[in-house]
Amino acid sequence: MTTPDLALLLDNAGFRTPSAEKMAIERIREEELRAMFDLLPDPFRAATKAVVLDGMRTDEAAELLSIPAATVLTRVHRGRARLRSMITEQREKEREI
């Protein structure tokens, strides 16, 4: 996953991030992003990867994951929210140093 991928994760489908947050995302190293993404619970990670990173439609991801489309949407939403929280927490820790 590259930095633009994470920006897409957070900005896609109605999740508009403030420009300051986008700037912070751009400064995050790729290995940090991978680590954060890997920390997502498996169901959130799988749905988010399928829809956002792999570009699947919700119905395609639902079929792939054998879950209802509404569940895919919920998991992607929650996955993005957790990633935003992790990024915010990381930035706050860096400011304390």
Foldseek 3Di string as FASTA:
>chain_A
DALVLLVQLQPPDPRNDDPVLNVLSNPDHPVVLVVQLVPDPPVLSQLLCVCRVVPDDLVVSCVVVVHDSVSSVVSSVVSSVSSSVVSVVVVVVVVVD
